[in-house]
Amino acid sequence: EAQVLQDKTGLSLDALAQKVKALIVTLGASGSHIYA
């Protein structure tokens, strides 16, 4: 969904993270990343 979100908005994850208090990306068995 993170990739689809970037494709549709034209914004990178870092740019999206700047618009919210926290951006959470889950990675299944690889854990997750929280941009905050």
PDB file of all heavy atoms in Angstrom:
ATOM      1  N   GLU A   1       0.828  -1.206   0.000  1.00  0.00           N
ATOM      2  CA  GLU A   1       0.000   0.000   0.000  1.00  0.00           C
ATOM      3  C   GLU A   1       0.865   1.261   0.000  1.00  0.00           C
ATOM      4  O   GLU A   1       0.488   2.285  -0.586  1.00  0.00           O
ATOM      5  CB  GLU A   1      -0.929  -0.017   1.214  1.00  0.00           C
ATOM      6  CG  GLU A   1      -1.975  -1.108   1.166  1.00  0.00           C
ATOM      7  CD  GLU A   1      -2.530  -1.500   2.532  1.00  0.00           C
ATOM      8  OE1 GLU A   1      -2.092  -0.915   3.553  1.00  0.00           O
ATOM      9  OE2 GLU A   1      -3.385  -2.410   2.573  1.00  0.00           O
ATOM     10  N   ALA A   2       2.025   1.189   0.647  1.00  0.00           N
ATOM     11  CA  ALA A   2       2.932   2.338   0.676  1.00  0.00           C
ATOM     12  C   ALA A   2       3.379   2.696  -0.738  1.00  0.00           C
ATOM     13  O   ALA A   2       3.474   3.877  -1.099  1.00  0.00           O
ATOM     14  CB  ALA A   2       4.149   2.032   1.550  1.00  0.00           C
ATOM     15  N   GLN A   3       3.659   1.664  -1.556  1.00  0.00           N
ATOM     16  CA  GLN A   3       4.068   1.916  -2.932  1.00  0.00           C
ATOM     17  C   GLN A   3       2.928   2.501  -3.753  1.00  0.00           C
ATOM     18  O   GLN A   3       3.121   3.436  -4.538  1.00  0.00           O
ATOM     19  CB  GLN A   3       4.574   0.617  -3.572  1.00  0.00           C
ATOM     20  CG  GLN A   3       5.170   0.819  -4.959  1.00  0.00           C
ATOM     21  CD  GLN A   3       6.341   1.792  -4.959  1.00  0.00           C
ATOM     22  OE1 GLN A   3       7.327   1.572  -4.250  1.00  0.00           O
ATOM     23  NE2 GLN A   3       6.237   2.868  -5.725  1.00  0.00           N
ATOM     24  N   VAL A   4       1.719   1.958  -3.567  1.00  0.00           N
ATOM     25  CA  VAL A   4       0.552   2.480  -4.281  1.00  0.00           C
ATOM     26  C   VAL A   4       0.313   3.937  -3.884  1.00  0.00           C
ATOM     27  O   VAL A   4       0.010   4.790  -4.727  1.00  0.00           O
ATOM     28  CB  VAL A   4      -0.703   1.635  -3.982  1.00  0.00           C
ATOM     29  CG1 VAL A   4      -1.951   2.275  -4.599  1.00  0.00           C
ATOM     30  CG2 VAL A   4      -0.533   0.216  -4.498  1.00  0.00           C
ATOM     31  N   LEU A   5       0.456   4.221  -2.601  1.00  0.00           N
ATOM     32  CA  LEU A   5       0.266   5.574  -2.082  1.00  0.00           C
ATOM     33  C   LEU A   5       1.256   6.549  -2.728  1.00  0.00           C
ATOM     34  O   LEU A   5       0.890   7.658  -3.140  1.00  0.00           O
ATOM     35  CB  LEU A   5       0.445   5.563  -0.567  1.00  0.00           C
ATOM     36  CG  LEU A   5      -0.090   6.754   0.235  1.00  0.00           C
ATOM     37  CD1 LEU A   5      -1.597   6.867   0.070  1.00  0.00           C
ATOM     38  CD2 LEU A   5       0.253   6.581   1.711  1.00  0.00           C
ATOM     39  N   GLN A   6       2.513   6.117  -2.851  1.00  0.00           N
ATOM     40  CA  GLN A   6       3.527   6.960  -3.493  1.00  0.00           C
ATOM     41  C   GLN A   6       3.210   7.173  -4.973  1.00  0.00           C
ATOM     42  O   GLN A   6       3.337   8.289  -5.494  1.00  0.00           O
ATOM     43  CB  GLN A   6       4.915   6.317  -3.343  1.00  0.00           C
ATOM     44  CG  GLN A   6       5.431   6.319  -1.906  1.00  0.00           C
ATOM     45  CD  GLN A   6       6.750   5.580  -1.789  1.00  0.00           C
ATOM     46  OE1 GLN A   6       7.825   6.151  -1.956  1.00  0.00           O
ATOM     47  NE2 GLN A   6       6.667   4.290  -1.474  1.00  0.00           N
ATOM     48  N   ASP A   7       2.788   6.114  -5.638  1.00  0.00           N
ATOM     49  CA  ASP A   7       2.468   6.213  -7.063  1.00  0.00           C
ATOM     50  C   ASP A   7       1.298   7.166  -7.303  1.00  0.00           C
ATOM     51  O   ASP A   7       1.306   7.962  -8.255  1.00  0.00           O
ATOM     52  CB  ASP A   7       2.134   4.832  -7.635  1.00  0.00           C
ATOM     53  CG  ASP A   7       3.334   3.896  -7.661  1.00  0.00           C
ATOM     54  OD1 ASP A   7       4.469   4.395  -7.547  1.00  0.00           O
ATOM     55  OD2 ASP A   7       3.132   2.672  -7.773  1.00  0.00           O
ATOM     56  N   LYS A   8       0.282   7.083  -6.452  1.00  0.00           N
ATOM     57  CA  LYS A   8      -0.919   7.896  -6.655  1.00  0.00           C
ATOM     58  C   LYS A   8      -0.721   9.353  -6.269  1.00  0.00           C
ATOM     59  O   LYS A   8      -1.288  10.254  -6.904  1.00  0.00           O
ATOM     60  CB  LYS A   8      -2.094   7.302  -5.865  1.00  0.00           C
ATOM     61  CG  LYS A   8      -2.656   6.015  -6.451  1.00  0.00           C
ATOM     62  CD  LYS A   8      -4.016   5.691  -5.891  1.00  0.00           C
ATOM     63  CE  LYS A   8      -4.664   4.528  -6.633  1.00  0.00           C
ATOM     64  NZ  LYS A   8      -6.085   4.344  -6.291  1.00  0.00           N
ATOM     65  N   THR A   9       0.048   9.610  -5.213  1.00  0.00           N
ATOM     66  CA  THR A   9       0.236  10.989  -4.745  1.00  0.00           C
ATOM     67  C   THR A   9       1.441  11.665  -5.378  1.00  0.00           C
ATOM     68  O   THR A   9       1.545  12.897  -5.375  1.00  0.00           O
ATOM     69  CB  THR A   9       0.409  11.032  -3.212  1.00  0.00           C
ATOM     70  OG1 THR A   9       1.596  10.298  -2.846  1.00  0.00           O
ATOM     71  CG2 THR A   9      -0.800  10.430  -2.514  1.00  0.00           C
ATOM     72  N   GLY A  10       2.377  10.844  -5.905  1.00  0.00           N
ATOM     73  CA  GLY A  10       3.597  11.400  -6.461  1.00  0.00           C
ATOM     74  C   GLY A  10       4.583  11.847  -5.406  1.00  0.00           C
ATOM     75  O   GLY A  10       5.553  12.556  -5.693  1.00  0.00           O
ATOM     76  N   LEU A  11       4.364  11.432  -4.157  1.00  0.00           N
ATOM     77  CA  LEU A  11       5.229  11.829  -3.046  1.00  0.00           C
ATOM     78  C   LEU A  11       5.990  10.620  -2.503  1.00  0.00           C
ATOM     79  O   LEU A  11       5.465   9.508  -2.473  1.00  0.00           O
ATOM     80  CB  LEU A  11       4.410  12.455  -1.916  1.00  0.00           C
ATOM     81  CG  LEU A  11       3.665  13.756  -2.246  1.00  0.00           C
ATOM     82  CD1 LEU A  11       2.830  14.209  -1.049  1.00  0.00           C
ATOM     83  CD2 LEU A  11       4.628  14.855  -2.662  1.00  0.00           C
ATOM     84  N   SER A  12       7.209  10.853  -2.050  1.00  0.00           N
ATOM     85  CA  SER A  12       8.009   9.799  -1.437  1.00  0.00           C
ATOM     86  C   SER A  12       7.525   9.537  -0.020  1.00  0.00           C
ATOM     87  O   SER A  12       6.746  10.326   0.545  1.00  0.00           O
ATOM     88  CB  SER A  12       9.483  10.216  -1.387  1.00  0.00           C
ATOM     89  OG  SER A  12       9.642  11.322  -0.502  1.00  0.00           O
ATOM     90  N   LEU A  13       7.993   8.448   0.573  1.00  0.00           N
ATOM     91  CA  LEU A  13       7.621   8.160   1.961  1.00  0.00           C
ATOM     92  C   LEU A  13       8.073   9.275   2.896  1.00  0.00           C
ATOM     93  O   LEU A  13       7.345   9.657   3.818  1.00  0.00           O
ATOM     94  CB  LEU A  13       8.223   6.817   2.402  1.00  0.00           C
ATOM     95  CG  LEU A  13       7.568   5.553   1.845  1.00  0.00           C
ATOM     96  CD1 LEU A  13       8.272   4.314   2.382  1.00  0.00           C
ATOM     97  CD2 LEU A  13       6.086   5.498   2.173  1.00  0.00           C
ATOM     98  N   ASP A  14       9.280   9.791   2.676  1.00  0.00           N
ATOM     99  CA  ASP A  14       9.775  10.878   3.525  1.00  0.00           C
ATOM    100  C   ASP A  14       8.886  12.112   3.414  1.00  0.00           C
ATOM    101  O   ASP A  14       8.599  12.771   4.420  1.00  0.00           O
ATOM    102  CB  ASP A  14      11.215  11.236   3.142  1.00  0.00           C
ATOM    103  CG  ASP A  14      12.214  10.176   3.577  1.00  0.00           C
ATOM    104  OD1 ASP A  14      11.924   9.460   4.568  1.00  0.00           O
ATOM    105  OD2 ASP A  14      13.266  10.038   2.941  1.00  0.00           O
ATOM    106  N   ALA A  15       8.448  12.412   2.203  1.00  0.00           N
ATOM    107  CA  ALA A  15       7.573  13.566   1.999  1.00  0.00           C
ATOM    108  C   ALA A  15       6.207  13.350   2.645  1.00  0.00           C
ATOM    109  O   ALA A  15       5.638  14.259   3.257  1.00  0.00           O
ATOM    110  CB  ALA A  15       7.421  13.850   0.506  1.00  0.00           C
ATOM    111  N   LEU A  16       5.682  12.131   2.525  1.00  0.00           N
ATOM    112  CA  LEU A  16       4.398  11.814   3.161  1.00  0.00           C
ATOM    113  C   LEU A  16       4.517  11.881   4.679  1.00  0.00           C
ATOM    114  O   LEU A  16       3.610  12.366   5.371  1.00  0.00           O
ATOM    115  CB  LEU A  16       3.937  10.417   2.731  1.00  0.00           C
ATOM    116  CG  LEU A  16       3.468  10.282   1.279  1.00  0.00           C
ATOM    117  CD1 LEU A  16       3.357   8.818   0.878  1.00  0.00           C
ATOM    118  CD2 LEU A  16       2.123  10.985   1.088  1.00  0.00           C
ATOM    119  N   ALA A  17       5.651  11.405   5.200  1.00  0.00           N
ATOM    120  CA  ALA A  17       5.867  11.407   6.651  1.00  0.00           C
ATOM    121  C   ALA A  17       5.875  12.814   7.219  1.00  0.00           C
ATOM    122  O   ALA A  17       5.489  13.033   8.378  1.00  0.00           O
ATOM    123  CB  ALA A  17       7.175  10.694   6.981  1.00  0.00           C
ATOM    124  N   GLN A  18       6.301  13.779   6.426  1.00  0.00           N
ATOM    125  CA  GLN A  18       6.353  15.158   6.894  1.00  0.00           C
ATOM    126  C   GLN A  18       4.973  15.777   7.036  1.00  0.00           C
ATOM    127  O   GLN A  18       4.814  16.808   7.694  1.00  0.00           O
ATOM    128  CB  GLN A  18       7.206  15.994   5.932  1.00  0.00           C
ATOM    129  CG  GLN A  18       8.690  15.653   5.973  1.00  0.00           C
ATOM    130  CD  GLN A  18       9.497  16.408   4.936  1.00  0.00           C
ATOM    131  OE1 GLN A  18       9.033  17.400   4.373  1.00  0.00           O
ATOM    132  NE2 GLN A  18      10.717  15.928   4.666  1.00  0.00           N
ATOM    133  N   LYS A  19       3.972  15.138   6.445  1.00  0.00           N
ATOM    134  CA  LYS A  19       2.616  15.672   6.495  1.00  0.00           C
ATOM    135  C   LYS A  19       1.826  15.180   7.708  1.00  0.00           C
ATOM    136  O   LYS A  19       0.732  15.677   7.982  1.00  0.00           O
ATOM    137  CB  LYS A  19       1.854  15.301   5.208  1.00  0.00           C
ATOM    138  CG  LYS A  19       2.378  16.022   3.965  1.00  0.00           C
ATOM    139  CD  LYS A  19       1.552  15.672   2.747  1.00  0.00           C
ATOM    140  CE  LYS A  19       1.953  16.522   1.551  1.00  0.00           C
ATOM    141  NZ  LYS A  19       1.615  17.958   1.756  1.00  0.00           N
ATOM    142  N   VAL A  20       2.357  14.171   8.407  1.00  0.00           N
ATOM    143  CA  VAL A  20       1.668  13.609   9.568  1.00  0.00           C
ATOM    144  C   VAL A  20       2.621  13.512  10.761  1.00  0.00           C
ATOM    145  O   VAL A  20       3.833  13.644  10.611  1.00  0.00           O
ATOM    146  CB  VAL A  20       1.092  12.202   9.248  1.00  0.00           C
ATOM    147  CG1 VAL A  20      -0.078  12.296   8.287  1.00  0.00           C
ATOM    148  CG2 VAL A  20       2.180  11.288   8.684  1.00  0.00           C
ATOM    149  N   LYS A  21       2.055  13.263  11.920  1.00  0.00           N
ATOM    150  CA  LYS A  21       2.888  13.104  13.112  1.00  0.00           C
ATOM    151  C   LYS A  21       3.681  11.809  13.041  1.00  0.00           C
ATOM    152  O   LYS A  21       4.802  11.721  13.557  1.00  0.00           O
ATOM    153  CB  LYS A  21       2.004  13.114  14.362  1.00  0.00           C
ATOM    154  CG  LYS A  21       2.764  13.229  15.671  1.00  0.00           C
ATOM    155  CD  LYS A  21       1.831  13.464  16.830  1.00  0.00           C
ATOM    156  CE  LYS A  21       2.618  13.611  18.138  1.00  0.00           C
ATOM    157  NZ  LYS A  21       1.699  13.864  19.286  1.00  0.00           N
ATOM    158  N   ALA A  22       3.109  10.794  12.410  1.00  0.00           N
ATOM    159  CA  ALA A  22       3.819   9.520  12.248  1.00  0.00           C
ATOM    160  C   ALA A  22       3.262   8.766  11.050  1.00  0.00           C
ATOM    161  O   ALA A  22       2.050   8.725  10.840  1.00  0.00           O
ATOM    162  CB  ALA A  22       3.702   8.668  13.500  1.00  0.00           C
ATOM    163  N   LEU A  23       4.160   8.181  10.261  1.00  0.00           N
ATOM    164  CA  LEU A  23       3.803   7.297   9.158  1.00  0.00           C
ATOM    165  C   LEU A  23       4.289   5.906   9.526  1.00  0.00           C
ATOM    166  O   LEU A  23       5.469   5.713   9.813  1.00  0.00           O
ATOM    167  CB  LEU A  23       4.472   7.759   7.856  1.00  0.00           C
ATOM    168  CG  LEU A  23       4.527   6.751   6.693  1.00  0.00           C
ATOM    169  CD1 LEU A  23       3.124   6.363   6.247  1.00  0.00           C
ATOM    170  CD2 LEU A  23       5.324   7.325   5.527  1.00  0.00           C
ATOM    171  N   ILE A  24       3.370   4.945   9.533  1.00  0.00           N
ATOM    172  CA  ILE A  24       3.711   3.572   9.906  1.00  0.00           C
ATOM    173  C   ILE A  24       3.596   2.680   8.681  1.00  0.00           C
ATOM    174  O   ILE A  24       2.559   2.669   7.997  1.00  0.00           O
ATOM    175  CB  ILE A  24       2.768   3.056  11.020  1.00  0.00           C
ATOM    176  CG1 ILE A  24       2.859   3.945  12.262  1.00  0.00           C
ATOM    177  CG2 ILE A  24       3.101   1.609  11.372  1.00  0.00           C
ATOM    178  CD1 ILE A  24       1.802   5.021  12.348  1.00  0.00           C
ATOM    179  N   VAL A  25       4.665   1.940   8.380  1.00  0.00           N
ATOM    180  CA  VAL A  25       4.673   1.014   7.248  1.00  0.00           C
ATOM    181  C   VAL A  25       4.988  -0.377   7.772  1.00  0.00           C
ATOM    182  O   VAL A  25       6.085  -0.614   8.292  1.00  0.00           O
ATOM    183  CB  VAL A  25       5.713   1.416   6.183  1.00  0.00           C
ATOM    184  CG1 VAL A  25       5.662   0.433   5.009  1.00  0.00           C
ATOM    185  CG2 VAL A  25       5.475   2.836   5.693  1.00  0.00           C
ATOM    186  N   THR A  26       4.046  -1.300   7.656  1.00  0.00           N
ATOM    187  CA  THR A  26       4.287  -2.673   8.103  1.00  0.00           C
ATOM    188  C   THR A  26       4.916  -3.476   6.972  1.00  0.00           C
ATOM    189  O   THR A  26       4.592  -3.280   5.798  1.00  0.00           O
ATOM    190  CB  THR A  26       2.987  -3.347   8.567  1.00  0.00           C
ATOM    191  OG1 THR A  26       2.041  -3.347   7.485  1.00  0.00           O
ATOM    192  CG2 THR A  26       2.373  -2.587   9.746  1.00  0.00           C
ATOM    193  N   LEU A  27       5.807  -4.399   7.351  1.00  0.00           N
ATOM    194  CA  LEU A  27       6.593  -5.151   6.373  1.00  0.00           C
ATOM    195  C   LEU A  27       6.459  -6.659   6.552  1.00  0.00           C
ATOM    196  O   LEU A  27       7.359  -7.420   6.212  1.00  0.00           O
ATOM    197  CB  LEU A  27       8.070  -4.756   6.509  1.00  0.00           C
ATOM    198  CG  LEU A  27       8.369  -3.260   6.430  1.00  0.00           C
ATOM    199  CD1 LEU A  27       9.798  -2.978   6.879  1.00  0.00           C
ATOM    200  CD2 LEU A  27       8.141  -2.740   5.023  1.00  0.00           C
ATOM    201  N   GLY A  28       5.343  -7.111   7.130  1.00  0.00           N
ATOM    202  CA  GLY A  28       5.140  -8.539   7.337  1.00  0.00           C
ATOM    203  C   GLY A  28       6.182  -9.120   8.271  1.00  0.00           C
ATOM    204  O   GLY A  28       6.451  -8.581   9.352  1.00  0.00           O
ATOM    205  N   ALA A  29       6.807 -10.225   7.846  1.00  0.00           N
ATOM    206  CA  ALA A  29       7.799 -10.909   8.674  1.00  0.00           C
ATOM    207  C   ALA A  29       9.063 -10.083   8.902  1.00  0.00           C
ATOM    208  O   ALA A  29       9.881 -10.415   9.757  1.00  0.00           O
ATOM    209  CB  ALA A  29       8.164 -12.247   8.045  1.00  0.00           C
ATOM    210  N   SER A  30       9.219  -8.996   8.133  1.00  0.00           N
ATOM    211  CA  SER A  30      10.408  -8.138   8.293  1.00  0.00           C
ATOM    212  C   SER A  30      10.198  -7.025   9.304  1.00  0.00           C
ATOM    213  O   SER A  30      11.060  -6.158   9.447  1.00  0.00           O
ATOM    214  CB  SER A  30      10.785  -7.541   6.927  1.00  0.00           C
ATOM    215  OG  SER A  30      11.148  -8.562   6.019  1.00  0.00           O
ATOM    216  N   GLY A  31       9.057  -7.036   9.991  1.00  0.00           N
ATOM    217  CA  GLY A  31       8.812  -6.031  11.021  1.00  0.00           C
ATOM    218  C   GLY A  31       8.061  -4.835  10.486  1.00  0.00           C
ATOM    219  O   GLY A  31       7.152  -4.954   9.659  1.00  0.00           O
ATOM    220  N   SER A  32       8.443  -3.636  10.906  1.00  0.00           N
ATOM    221  CA  SER A  32       7.769  -2.418  10.465  1.00  0.00           C
ATOM    222  C   SER A  32       8.682  -1.214  10.646  1.00  0.00           C
ATOM    223  O   SER A  32       9.669  -1.277  11.394  1.00  0.00           O
ATOM    224  CB  SER A  32       6.465  -2.210  11.256  1.00  0.00           C
ATOM    225  OG  SER A  32       6.714  -2.206  12.656  1.00  0.00           O
ATOM    226  N   HIS A  33       8.351  -0.153   9.955  1.00  0.00           N
ATOM    227  CA  HIS A  33       9.071   1.109  10.081  1.00  0.00           C
ATOM    228  C   HIS A  33       8.099   2.190  10.541  1.00  0.00           C
ATOM    229  O   HIS A  33       6.968   2.254  10.031  1.00  0.00           O
ATOM    230  CB  HIS A  33       9.691   1.531   8.750  1.00  0.00           C
ATOM    231  CG  HIS A  33      10.806   0.646   8.291  1.00  0.00           C
ATOM    232  ND1 HIS A  33      11.231   0.594   6.970  1.00  0.00           N
ATOM    233  CD2 HIS A  33      11.600  -0.218   8.970  1.00  0.00           C
ATOM    234  CE1 HIS A  33      12.233  -0.258   6.865  1.00  0.00           C
ATOM    235  NE2 HIS A  33      12.478  -0.780   8.065  1.00  0.00           N
ATOM    236  N   ILE A  34       8.527   3.002  11.475  1.00  0.00           N
ATOM    237  CA  ILE A  34       7.723   4.138  11.913  1.00  0.00           C
ATOM    238  C   ILE A  34       8.530   5.413  11.649  1.00  0.00           C
ATOM    239  O   ILE A  34       9.613   5.597  12.204  1.00  0.00           O
ATOM    240  CB  ILE A  34       7.352   4.036  13.403  1.00  0.00           C
ATOM    241  CG1 ILE A  34       6.513   2.772  13.657  1.00  0.00           C
ATOM    242  CG2 ILE A  34       6.568   5.277  13.842  1.00  0.00           C
ATOM    243  CD1 ILE A  34       6.115   2.564  15.105  1.00  0.00           C
ATOM    244  N   TYR A  35       7.987   6.254  10.764  1.00  0.00           N
ATOM    245  CA  TYR A  35       8.624   7.522  10.438  1.00  0.00           C
ATOM    246  C   TYR A  35       8.007   8.597  11.331  1.00  0.00           C
ATOM    247  O   TYR A  35       6.823   8.928  11.196  1.00  0.00           O
ATOM    248  CB  TYR A  35       8.384   7.886   8.978  1.00  0.00           C
ATOM    249  CG  TYR A  35       8.960   6.908   7.975  1.00  0.00           C
ATOM    250  CD1 TYR A  35       8.336   5.682   7.713  1.00  0.00           C
ATOM    251  CD2 TYR A  35      10.114   7.214   7.265  1.00  0.00           C
ATOM    252  CE1 TYR A  35       8.855   4.795   6.784  1.00  0.00           C
ATOM    253  CE2 TYR A  35      10.646   6.326   6.325  1.00  0.00           C
ATOM    254  CZ  TYR A  35      10.005   5.120   6.096  1.00  0.00           C
ATOM    255  OH  TYR A  35      10.525   4.239   5.175  1.00  0.00           O
ATOM    256  N   ALA A  36       8.783   9.135  12.248  1.00  0.00           N
ATOM    257  CA  ALA A  36       8.273  10.145  13.173  1.00  0.00           C
ATOM    258  C   ALA A  36       9.431  10.955  13.746  1.00  0.00           C
ATOM    259  O   ALA A  36      10.563  10.450  13.850  1.00  0.00           O
ATOM    260  CB  ALA A  36       7.492   9.486  14.315  1.00  0.00           C
TER     261      ALA A  36
END
